[in-house]
Amino acid sequence: MLSLKNEAAAGEAPGLNLEVQGRKVYYQGPADVRSLLDSQGESVLYANVRINGSVLDRRDFENVLLKEGDSVEFLYFMGGGSCST
C-alpha cells in the first residue's frame, strides 16, 4: 500500500519513505520490488524497474529489497509500427 503520510500509525508496521514515479510516498508492505509492483497493479511481465538510476533484471524482482529513500520508476518499452518512404 502506498500513501502520502510520513510515518506509521500506532500499531502499524513501519514502512519506507520512497519516491515512486516522481512522487514521494510512504510504502508499507513487503520490501521486495515484486511486492511493490503488485501493490501498484503493475505488470511483472511487462514492467521494467529502475531503482536509483539502475535498471533491474526482472529475475531479481523478488530478491532486491527496497531501502529508505529509494527512487523507483516503472518503465515500459514499446515497439511497433513501421516507417515507409
PDB file of N, CA and C in Angstrom:
ATOM      1  N   MET A   1       0.843  -1.177   0.000  1.00  0.00           N
ATOM      2  CA  MET A   1       0.000   0.000   0.000  1.00  0.00           C
ATOM      3  C   MET A   1       0.886   1.238   0.000  1.00  0.00           C
ATOM      4  N   LEU A   2       0.563   2.207  -0.828  1.00  0.00           N
ATOM      5  CA  LEU A   2       1.282   3.469  -0.854  1.00  0.00           C
ATOM      6  C   LEU A   2       0.385   4.550  -0.317  1.00  0.00           C
ATOM      7  N   SER A   3       0.959   5.422   0.460  1.00  0.00           N
ATOM      8  CA  SER A   3       0.212   6.577   0.938  1.00  0.00           C
ATOM      9  C   SER A   3       1.168   7.749   1.016  1.00  0.00           C
ATOM     10  N   LEU A   4       0.623   8.916   1.266  1.00  0.00           N
ATOM     11  CA  LEU A   4       1.459  10.107   1.332  1.00  0.00           C
ATOM     12  C   LEU A   4       1.809  10.495   2.756  1.00  0.00           C
ATOM     13  N   LYS A   5       1.416   9.691   3.739  1.00  0.00           N
ATOM     14  CA  LYS A   5       1.777  10.024   5.112  1.00  0.00           C
ATOM     15  C   LYS A   5       3.259   9.752   5.323  1.00  0.00           C
ATOM     16  N   ASN A   6       3.811  10.276   6.386  1.00  0.00           N
ATOM     17  CA  ASN A   6       5.249  10.175   6.599  1.00  0.00           C
ATOM     18  C   ASN A   6       5.667   9.196   7.674  1.00  0.00           C
ATOM     19  N   GLU A   7       4.729   8.618   8.398  1.00  0.00           N
ATOM     20  CA  GLU A   7       5.113   7.649   9.411  1.00  0.00           C
ATOM     21  C   GLU A   7       3.967   6.686   9.674  1.00  0.00           C
ATOM     22  N   ALA A   8       4.310   5.561  10.295  1.00  0.00           N
ATOM     23  CA  ALA A   8       3.303   4.550  10.598  1.00  0.00           C
ATOM     24  C   ALA A   8       2.422   5.014  11.746  1.00  0.00           C
ATOM     25  N   ALA A   9       1.147   4.672  11.669  1.00  0.00           N
ATOM     26  CA  ALA A   9       0.221   4.949  12.762  1.00  0.00           C
ATOM     27  C   ALA A   9       0.486   3.948  13.883  1.00  0.00           C
ATOM     28  N   ALA A  10      -0.029   4.239  15.062  1.00  0.00           N
ATOM     29  CA  ALA A  10       0.158   3.348  16.202  1.00  0.00           C
ATOM     30  C   ALA A  10      -0.312   1.946  15.847  1.00  0.00           C
ATOM     31  N   GLY A  11       0.514   0.958  16.127  1.00  0.00           N
ATOM     32  CA  GLY A  11       0.161  -0.427  15.866  1.00  0.00           C
ATOM     33  C   GLY A  11       0.475  -0.911  14.466  1.00  0.00           C
ATOM     34  N   GLU A  12       0.848  -0.030  13.555  1.00  0.00           N
ATOM     35  CA  GLU A  12       1.198  -0.438  12.193  1.00  0.00           C
ATOM     36  C   GLU A  12       2.686  -0.748  12.108  1.00  0.00           C
ATOM     37  N   ALA A  13       3.017  -1.657  11.224  1.00  0.00           N
ATOM     38  CA  ALA A  13       4.424  -1.946  10.975  1.00  0.00           C
ATOM     39  C   ALA A  13       5.058  -0.733  10.306  1.00  0.00           C
ATOM     40  N   PRO A  14       6.315  -0.442  10.644  1.00  0.00           N
ATOM     41  CA  PRO A  14       6.970   0.697   9.995  1.00  0.00           C
ATOM     42  C   PRO A  14       7.138   0.448   8.501  1.00  0.00           C
ATOM     43  N   GLY A  15       7.167   1.515   7.744  1.00  0.00           N
ATOM     44  CA  GLY A  15       7.299   1.412   6.298  1.00  0.00           C
ATOM     45  C   GLY A  15       8.520   2.167   5.814  1.00  0.00           C
ATOM     46  N   LEU A  16       8.508   2.480   4.525  1.00  0.00           N
ATOM     47  CA  LEU A  16       9.629   3.159   3.883  1.00  0.00           C
ATOM     48  C   LEU A  16       9.150   4.421   3.190  1.00  0.00           C
ATOM     49  N   ASN A  17       9.919   5.478   3.309  1.00  0.00           N
ATOM     50  CA  ASN A  17       9.696   6.677   2.510  1.00  0.00           C
ATOM     51  C   ASN A  17      10.429   6.460   1.193  1.00  0.00           C
ATOM     52  N   LEU A  18       9.681   6.466   0.096  1.00  0.00           N
ATOM     53  CA  LEU A  18      10.229   6.228  -1.234  1.00  0.00           C
ATOM     54  C   LEU A  18       9.795   7.343  -2.163  1.00  0.00           C
ATOM     55  N   GLU A  19      10.461   7.410  -3.303  1.00  0.00           N
ATOM     56  CA  GLU A  19       9.977   8.233  -4.405  1.00  0.00           C
ATOM     57  C   GLU A  19       9.585   7.259  -5.509  1.00  0.00           C
ATOM     58  N   VAL A  20       8.295   7.211  -5.839  1.00  0.00           N
ATOM     59  CA  VAL A  20       7.785   6.283  -6.846  1.00  0.00           C
ATOM     60  C   VAL A  20       7.160   7.099  -7.968  1.00  0.00           C
ATOM     61  N   GLN A  21       7.702   6.915  -9.168  1.00  0.00           N
ATOM     62  CA  GLN A  21       7.223   7.652 -10.339  1.00  0.00           C
ATOM     63  C   GLN A  21       7.249   9.163 -10.081  1.00  0.00           C
ATOM     64  N   GLY A  22       8.261   9.631  -9.358  1.00  0.00           N
ATOM     65  CA  GLY A  22       8.424  11.060  -9.117  1.00  0.00           C
ATOM     66  C   GLY A  22       7.633  11.612  -7.948  1.00  0.00           C
ATOM     67  N   ARG A  23       6.847  10.760  -7.275  1.00  0.00           N
ATOM     68  CA  ARG A  23       6.056  11.210  -6.125  1.00  0.00           C
ATOM     69  C   ARG A  23       6.632  10.644  -4.837  1.00  0.00           C
ATOM     70  N   LYS A  24       6.718  11.465  -3.815  1.00  0.00           N
ATOM     71  CA  LYS A  24       7.156  10.980  -2.510  1.00  0.00           C
ATOM     72  C   LYS A  24       5.997  10.236  -1.868  1.00  0.00           C
ATOM     73  N   VAL A  25       6.261   8.993  -1.458  1.00  0.00           N
ATOM     74  CA  VAL A  25       5.219   8.153  -0.878  1.00  0.00           C
ATOM     75  C   VAL A  25       5.765   7.402   0.333  1.00  0.00           C
ATOM     76  N   TYR A  26       4.857   6.944   1.151  1.00  0.00           N
ATOM     77  CA  TYR A  26       5.181   6.093   2.287  1.00  0.00           C
ATOM     78  C   TYR A  26       4.613   4.711   1.974  1.00  0.00           C
ATOM     79  N   TYR A  27       5.495   3.724   1.866  1.00  0.00           N
ATOM     80  CA  TYR A  27       5.091   2.374   1.475  1.00  0.00           C
ATOM     81  C   TYR A  27       5.152   1.448   2.672  1.00  0.00           C
ATOM     82  N   GLN A  28       4.047   0.766   2.934  1.00  0.00           N
ATOM     83  CA  GLN A  28       4.005  -0.261   3.965  1.00  0.00           C
ATOM     84  C   GLN A  28       3.672  -1.576   3.294  1.00  0.00           C
ATOM     85  N   GLY A  29       4.577  -2.488   3.369  1.00  0.00           N
ATOM     86  CA  GLY A  29       4.371  -3.789   2.749  1.00  0.00           C
ATOM     87  C   GLY A  29       5.711  -4.482   2.666  1.00  0.00           C
ATOM     88  N   PRO A  30       5.719  -5.693   2.128  1.00  0.00           N
ATOM     89  CA  PRO A  30       6.998  -6.382   1.948  1.00  0.00           C
ATOM     90  C   PRO A  30       7.938  -5.495   1.136  1.00  0.00           C
ATOM     91  N   ALA A  31       9.203  -5.489   1.495  1.00  0.00           N
ATOM     92  CA  ALA A  31      10.148  -4.531   0.920  1.00  0.00           C
ATOM     93  C   ALA A  31      10.769  -4.979  -0.398  1.00  0.00           C
ATOM     94  N   ASP A  32      10.336  -6.119  -0.955  1.00  0.00           N
ATOM     95  CA  ASP A  32      10.921  -6.531  -2.231  1.00  0.00           C
ATOM     96  C   ASP A  32      10.215  -5.820  -3.390  1.00  0.00           C
ATOM     97  N   VAL A  33      10.917  -5.693  -4.485  1.00  0.00           N
ATOM     98  CA  VAL A  33      10.420  -4.961  -5.651  1.00  0.00           C
ATOM     99  C   VAL A  33       9.153  -5.606  -6.211  1.00  0.00           C
ATOM    100  N   ARG A  34       9.097  -6.917  -6.240  1.00  0.00           N
ATOM    101  CA  ARG A  34       7.909  -7.623  -6.761  1.00  0.00           C
ATOM    102  C   ARG A  34       6.656  -7.213  -5.987  1.00  0.00           C
ATOM    103  N   SER A  35       6.755  -7.124  -4.673  1.00  0.00           N
ATOM    104  CA  SER A  35       5.596  -6.750  -3.853  1.00  0.00           C
ATOM    105  C   SER A  35       5.158  -5.321  -4.129  1.00  0.00           C
ATOM    106  N   LEU A  36       6.117  -4.425  -4.340  1.00  0.00           N
ATOM    107  CA  LEU A  36       5.762  -3.047  -4.680  1.00  0.00           C
ATOM    108  C   LEU A  36       5.018  -3.011  -6.015  1.00  0.00           C
ATOM    109  N   LEU A  37       5.527  -3.729  -7.006  1.00  0.00           N
ATOM    110  CA  LEU A  37       4.847  -3.805  -8.305  1.00  0.00           C
ATOM    111  C   LEU A  37       3.420  -4.324  -8.141  1.00  0.00           C
ATOM    112  N   ASP A  38       3.273  -5.412  -7.404  1.00  0.00           N
ATOM    113  CA  ASP A  38       1.944  -6.000  -7.196  1.00  0.00           C
ATOM    114  C   ASP A  38       1.011  -5.015  -6.511  1.00  0.00           C
ATOM    115  N   SER A  39       1.520  -4.288  -5.518  1.00  0.00           N
ATOM    116  CA  SER A  39       0.674  -3.357  -4.764  1.00  0.00           C
ATOM    117  C   SER A  39       0.182  -2.209  -5.639  1.00  0.00           C
ATOM    118  N   GLN A  40       0.901  -1.930  -6.718  1.00  0.00           N
ATOM    119  CA  GLN A  40       0.535  -0.835  -7.611  1.00  0.00           C
ATOM    120  C   GLN A  40      -0.215  -1.306  -8.848  1.00  0.00           C
ATOM    121  N   GLY A  41      -0.440  -2.618  -8.935  1.00  0.00           N
ATOM    122  CA  GLY A  41      -1.148  -3.150 -10.095  1.00  0.00           C
ATOM    123  C   GLY A  41      -0.308  -3.119 -11.361  1.00  0.00           C
ATOM    124  N   GLU A  42       0.999  -3.040 -11.207  1.00  0.00           N
ATOM    125  CA  GLU A  42       1.902  -3.023 -12.360  1.00  0.00           C
ATOM    126  C   GLU A  42       2.176  -4.457 -12.804  1.00  0.00           C
ATOM    127  N   SER A  43       2.346  -4.667 -14.082  1.00  0.00           N
ATOM    128  CA  SER A  43       2.574  -5.993 -14.635  1.00  0.00           C
ATOM    129  C   SER A  43       4.024  -6.427 -14.458  1.00  0.00           C
ATOM    130  N   VAL A  44       4.208  -7.517 -13.740  1.00  0.00           N
ATOM    131  CA  VAL A  44       5.549  -8.053 -13.546  1.00  0.00           C
ATOM    132  C   VAL A  44       6.119  -8.559 -14.868  1.00  0.00           C
ATOM    133  N   LEU A  45       5.250  -8.978 -15.773  1.00  0.00           N
ATOM    134  CA  LEU A  45       5.709  -9.498 -17.062  1.00  0.00           C
ATOM    135  C   LEU A  45       6.212  -8.412 -17.995  1.00  0.00           C
ATOM    136  N   TYR A  46       5.666  -7.212 -17.874  1.00  0.00           N
ATOM    137  CA  TYR A  46       5.983  -6.164 -18.842  1.00  0.00           C
ATOM    138  C   TYR A  46       6.744  -4.978 -18.270  1.00  0.00           C
ATOM    139  N   ALA A  47       6.666  -4.768 -16.967  1.00  0.00           N
ATOM    140  CA  ALA A  47       7.322  -3.602 -16.371  1.00  0.00           C
ATOM    141  C   ALA A  47       8.810  -3.857 -16.191  1.00  0.00           C
ATOM    142  N   ASN A  48       9.576  -2.841 -16.449  1.00  0.00           N
ATOM    143  CA  ASN A  48      10.973  -2.821 -16.062  1.00  0.00           C
ATOM    144  C   ASN A  48      11.050  -1.855 -14.900  1.00  0.00           C
ATOM    145  N   VAL A  49      11.985  -2.088 -14.002  1.00  0.00           N
ATOM    146  CA  VAL A  49      12.083  -1.256 -12.810  1.00  0.00           C
ATOM    147  C   VAL A  49      13.475  -0.660 -12.729  1.00  0.00           C
ATOM    148  N   ARG A  50      13.497   0.638 -12.472  1.00  0.00           N
ATOM    149  CA  ARG A  50      14.763   1.336 -12.266  1.00  0.00           C
ATOM    150  C   ARG A  50      14.753   1.857 -10.834  1.00  0.00           C
ATOM    151  N   ILE A  51      15.784   1.505 -10.078  1.00  0.00           N
ATOM    152  CA  ILE A  51      15.929   1.988  -8.708  1.00  0.00           C
ATOM    153  C   ILE A  51      17.204   2.805  -8.640  1.00  0.00           C
ATOM    154  N   ASN A  52      17.044   4.046  -8.222  1.00  0.00           N
ATOM    155  CA  ASN A  52      18.182   4.965  -8.093  1.00  0.00           C
ATOM    156  C   ASN A  52      19.033   4.986  -9.362  1.00  0.00           C
ATOM    157  N   GLY A  53      18.378   4.921 -10.513  1.00  0.00           N
ATOM    158  CA  GLY A  53      19.072   5.035 -11.789  1.00  0.00           C
ATOM    159  C   GLY A  53      19.541   3.729 -12.395  1.00  0.00           C
ATOM    160  N   SER A  54      19.441   2.610 -11.665  1.00  0.00           N
ATOM    161  CA  SER A  54      19.888   1.316 -12.184  1.00  0.00           C
ATOM    162  C   SER A  54      18.691   0.447 -12.542  1.00  0.00           C
ATOM    163  N   VAL A  55      18.691  -0.078 -13.772  1.00  0.00           N
ATOM    164  CA  VAL A  55      17.605  -0.952 -14.220  1.00  0.00           C
ATOM    165  C   VAL A  55      17.860  -2.359 -13.684  1.00  0.00           C
ATOM    166  N   LEU A  56      16.815  -2.943 -13.078  1.00  0.00           N
ATOM    167  CA  LEU A  56      16.927  -4.283 -12.508  1.00  0.00           C
ATOM    168  C   LEU A  56      16.614  -5.348 -13.541  1.00  0.00           C
ATOM    169  N   ASP A  57      17.219  -6.501 -13.373  1.00  0.00           N
ATOM    170  CA  ASP A  57      16.842  -7.677 -14.143  1.00  0.00           C
ATOM    171  C   ASP A  57      15.534  -8.197 -13.555  1.00  0.00           C
ATOM    172  N   ARG A  58      14.584  -8.504 -14.399  1.00  0.00           N
ATOM    173  CA  ARG A  58      13.265  -8.968 -13.952  1.00  0.00           C
ATOM    174  C   ARG A  58      13.374 -10.181 -13.019  1.00  0.00           C
ATOM    175  N   ARG A  59      14.384 -11.014 -13.220  1.00  0.00           N
ATOM    176  CA  ARG A  59      14.564 -12.202 -12.371  1.00  0.00           C
ATOM    177  C   ARG A  59      14.911 -11.836 -10.934  1.00  0.00           C
ATOM    178  N   ASP A  60      15.329 -10.594 -10.700  1.00  0.00           N
ATOM    179  CA  ASP A  60      15.737 -10.166  -9.361  1.00  0.00           C
ATOM    180  C   ASP A  60      14.638  -9.451  -8.585  1.00  0.00           C
ATOM    181  N   PHE A  61      13.460  -9.280  -9.165  1.00  0.00           N
ATOM    182  CA  PHE A  61      12.397  -8.505  -8.511  1.00  0.00           C
ATOM    183  C   PHE A  61      12.068  -9.020  -7.113  1.00  0.00           C
ATOM    184  N   GLU A  62      12.097 -10.332  -6.909  1.00  0.00           N
ATOM    185  CA  GLU A  62      11.748 -10.883  -5.600  1.00  0.00           C
ATOM    186  C   GLU A  62      12.918 -10.839  -4.625  1.00  0.00           C
ATOM    187  N   ASN A  63      14.133 -10.628  -5.130  1.00  0.00           N
ATOM    188  CA  ASN A  63      15.319 -10.665  -4.273  1.00  0.00           C
ATOM    189  C   ASN A  63      15.844  -9.290  -3.889  1.00  0.00           C
ATOM    190  N   VAL A  64      15.541  -8.280  -4.683  1.00  0.00           N
ATOM    191  CA  VAL A  64      16.036  -6.930  -4.399  1.00  0.00           C
ATOM    192  C   VAL A  64      15.096  -6.261  -3.408  1.00  0.00           C
ATOM    193  N   LEU A  65      15.666  -5.796  -2.300  1.00  0.00           N
ATOM    194  CA  LEU A  65      14.878  -5.142  -1.262  1.00  0.00           C
ATOM    195  C   LEU A  65      14.997  -3.632  -1.378  1.00  0.00           C
ATOM    196  N   LEU A  66      13.876  -2.967  -1.212  1.00  0.00           N
ATOM    197  CA  LEU A  66      13.849  -1.508  -1.223  1.00  0.00           C
ATOM    198  C   LEU A  66      14.413  -0.981   0.083  1.00  0.00           C
ATOM    199  N   LYS A  67      15.017   0.195  -0.001  1.00  0.00           N
ATOM    200  CA  LYS A  67      15.589   0.843   1.179  1.00  0.00           C
ATOM    201  C   LYS A  67      15.003   2.240   1.326  1.00  0.00           C
ATOM    202  N   GLU A  68      15.058   2.749   2.519  1.00  0.00           N
ATOM    203  CA  GLU A  68      14.590   4.100   2.815  1.00  0.00           C
ATOM    204  C   GLU A  68      15.183   5.086   1.813  1.00  0.00           C
ATOM    205  N   GLY A  69      14.327   5.898   1.212  1.00  0.00           N
ATOM    206  CA  GLY A  69      14.777   6.946   0.307  1.00  0.00           C
ATOM    207  C   GLY A  69      15.001   6.527  -1.132  1.00  0.00           C
ATOM    208  N   ASP A  70      14.784   5.250  -1.468  1.00  0.00           N
ATOM    209  CA  ASP A  70      14.984   4.803  -2.849  1.00  0.00           C
ATOM    210  C   ASP A  70      14.059   5.550  -3.809  1.00  0.00           C
ATOM    211  N   SER A  71      14.575   5.779  -5.011  1.00  0.00           N
ATOM    212  CA  SER A  71      13.788   6.347  -6.101  1.00  0.00           C
ATOM    213  C   SER A  71      13.455   5.208  -7.060  1.00  0.00           C
ATOM    214  N   VAL A  72      12.155   4.955  -7.258  1.00  0.00           N
ATOM    215  CA  VAL A  72      11.701   3.812  -8.050  1.00  0.00           C
ATOM    216  C   VAL A  72      10.898   4.308  -9.244  1.00  0.00           C
ATOM    217  N   GLU A  73      11.221   3.770 -10.420  1.00  0.00           N
ATOM    218  CA  GLU A  73      10.467   4.095 -11.631  1.00  0.00           C
ATOM    219  C   GLU A  73      10.060   2.803 -12.316  1.00  0.00           C
ATOM    220  N   PHE A  74       8.827   2.761 -12.820  1.00  0.00           N
ATOM    221  CA  PHE A  74       8.342   1.646 -13.619  1.00  0.00           C
ATOM    222  C   PHE A  74       8.455   2.066 -15.078  1.00  0.00           C
ATOM    223  N   LEU A  75       9.142   1.259 -15.870  1.00  0.00           N
ATOM    224  CA  LEU A  75       9.389   1.589 -17.268  1.00  0.00           C
ATOM    225  C   LEU A  75       8.748   0.542 -18.165  1.00  0.00           C
ATOM    226  N   TYR A  76       8.133   1.005 -19.227  1.00  0.00           N
ATOM    227  CA  TYR A  76       7.540   0.108 -20.216  1.00  0.00           C
ATOM    228  C   TYR A  76       8.127   0.462 -21.573  1.00  0.00           C
ATOM    229  N   PHE A  77       8.739  -0.524 -22.224  1.00  0.00           N
ATOM    230  CA  PHE A  77       9.295  -0.308 -23.546  1.00  0.00           C
ATOM    231  C   PHE A  77       8.287  -0.800 -24.570  1.00  0.00           C
ATOM    232  N   MET A  78       8.026   0.022 -25.547  1.00  0.00           N
ATOM    233  CA  MET A  78       7.033  -0.322 -26.560  1.00  0.00           C
ATOM    234  C   MET A  78       7.666  -0.271 -27.939  1.00  0.00           C
ATOM    235  N   GLY A  79       7.208  -1.132 -28.761  1.00  0.00           N
ATOM    236  CA  GLY A  79       7.678  -1.142 -30.131  1.00  0.00           C
ATOM    237  C   GLY A  79       6.495  -1.276 -31.064  1.00  0.00           C
ATOM    238  N   GLY A  80       6.787  -1.208 -32.296  1.00  0.00           N
ATOM    239  CA  GLY A  80       5.715  -1.395 -33.261  1.00  0.00           C
ATOM    240  C   GLY A  80       5.731  -0.318 -34.312  1.00  0.00           C
ATOM    241  N   GLY A  81       4.839  -0.483 -35.229  1.00  0.00           N
ATOM    242  CA  GLY A  81       4.757   0.480 -36.311  1.00  0.00           C
ATOM    243  C   GLY A  81       5.845   0.231 -37.338  1.00  0.00           C
ATOM    244  N   SER A  82       5.786   0.984 -38.372  1.00  0.00           N
ATOM    245  CA  SER A  82       6.815   0.873 -39.394  1.00  0.00           C
ATOM    246  C   SER A  82       6.953   2.209 -40.091  1.00  0.00           C
ATOM    247  N   CYS A  83       8.069   2.362 -40.688  1.00  0.00           N
ATOM    248  CA  CYS A  83       8.318   3.574 -41.471  1.00  0.00           C
ATOM    249  C   CYS A  83       8.331   3.184 -42.940  1.00  0.00           C
ATOM    250  N   SER A  84       7.605   3.909 -43.712  1.00  0.00           N
ATOM    251  CA  SER A  84       7.673   3.667 -45.147  1.00  0.00           C
ATOM    252  C   SER A  84       7.966   5.000 -45.823  1.00  0.00           C
ATOM    253  N   THR A  85       8.766   4.932 -46.825  1.00  0.00           N
ATOM    254  CA  THR A  85       9.122   6.167 -47.529  1.00  0.00           C
ATOM    255  C   THR A  85       8.607   6.172 -48.936  1.00  0.00           C
TER     256      THR A  85
END
